[in-house]
Amino acid sequence: MMAMGGGAVPGGGADTGDAPYPQLRIHTSALHQNLAQFRRLAPRSRILLPVKANAYGCGIGTLFPFFQSADIDILGVANCNEAVEIRKLGWEKTVLNLGGFFPQNIPAIVAHRIVPSITDLWQIGALNEAAVSEPISIHLKLDLGMGRIGIRRAELGHLLAALHAAPQLKVSGIFTHFPHAGPGAEEYTLAQNTEFVSAVSEIMHTLNLRREDVLLHAANSYSAAFFPQTHHDLIRPGILFYGYYQSEADRVQFNPRFQLKPCLELVATPISHRRLERGEGVSYASLYHVEKEI
């Protein structure tokens, strides 16, 4: 069972004859606080909230009322299926597919006004052919260090040539993704950011794009928190927006500074209480042995 609310709710049953049932509670008060923190960290940047992996397990449908009411600029998804779900829920603003897509996804991209990320060169010609009635807005994803998906620096010339031959595509954004996180990654991250700015300059000049028409974005959670140089026009706080760090050590070290709140609370009522002596095993194969009596 999943519940949503501004604060903690006492445990109790709902539809099981008053028997208590485990609940995963989502605290919108934490989400509001975390979003406000990122707006303070990047006051001149717009915010894209990633809702990939079913909103980090919270449920896109469950959190949708929050997204609608919190004045979010853009929602970011990992695939076109998530984008279609968001459209069917009633999202009218921009939804950016941050991941790649297959040829089979192109009809949905057109029908549901999904902004696709160009991650491979073949996508340019295929999208241009599909843009029959109106141009398709696209973002260019540059792989400058993550090594997963995106246009490599060596492919930039081929990218520009393909875009010149695709008049039905409108470049409305250019972005990259940082593979390293935290203050210890400053040198690597800022070097990649410099390379990103250089590549953007080449793209903008060659395609004769107006700066005000193109959103530049690079900052994920940690770079948005630690490196204001990477904020550009848009930040993409993912895991930190939901109130979680990459490790417990990071939470202990950094949360006194950022004051982010976890949005999830798992509440359960024990069905039985018992006392075990030191050395006794618990559950299958006795995977846990009692170390001390309480």
Foldseek 3Di string as FASTA:
>chain_A
DEEEEQDDDDFWDDPDPTDTDKYKYFHVVLLLLLVVLLCVLAVQAAEEEECEPQHVPNHCLVCVVVVVPNPHQEYEYQALVVVVVNVVSPDDHAYEHPHAYDLVCLVSCVVSLHAYEDFDLVVQVSNLVVLDPAAREYEAEEEQDQPDTGHYPVCLVVNLVSVVVRVSYHHQEYEYEDPDADPVCVVVVVVSLVVSVVSVVVSCVSVVHDPVRYFYAYAEQRCSNPPNVRCGHYHYYYPVSQPDDPDPVCCVPPCVPRVRDHRIDIDDDDPDDDWDQAQDFDDPPSPDGHHHGD
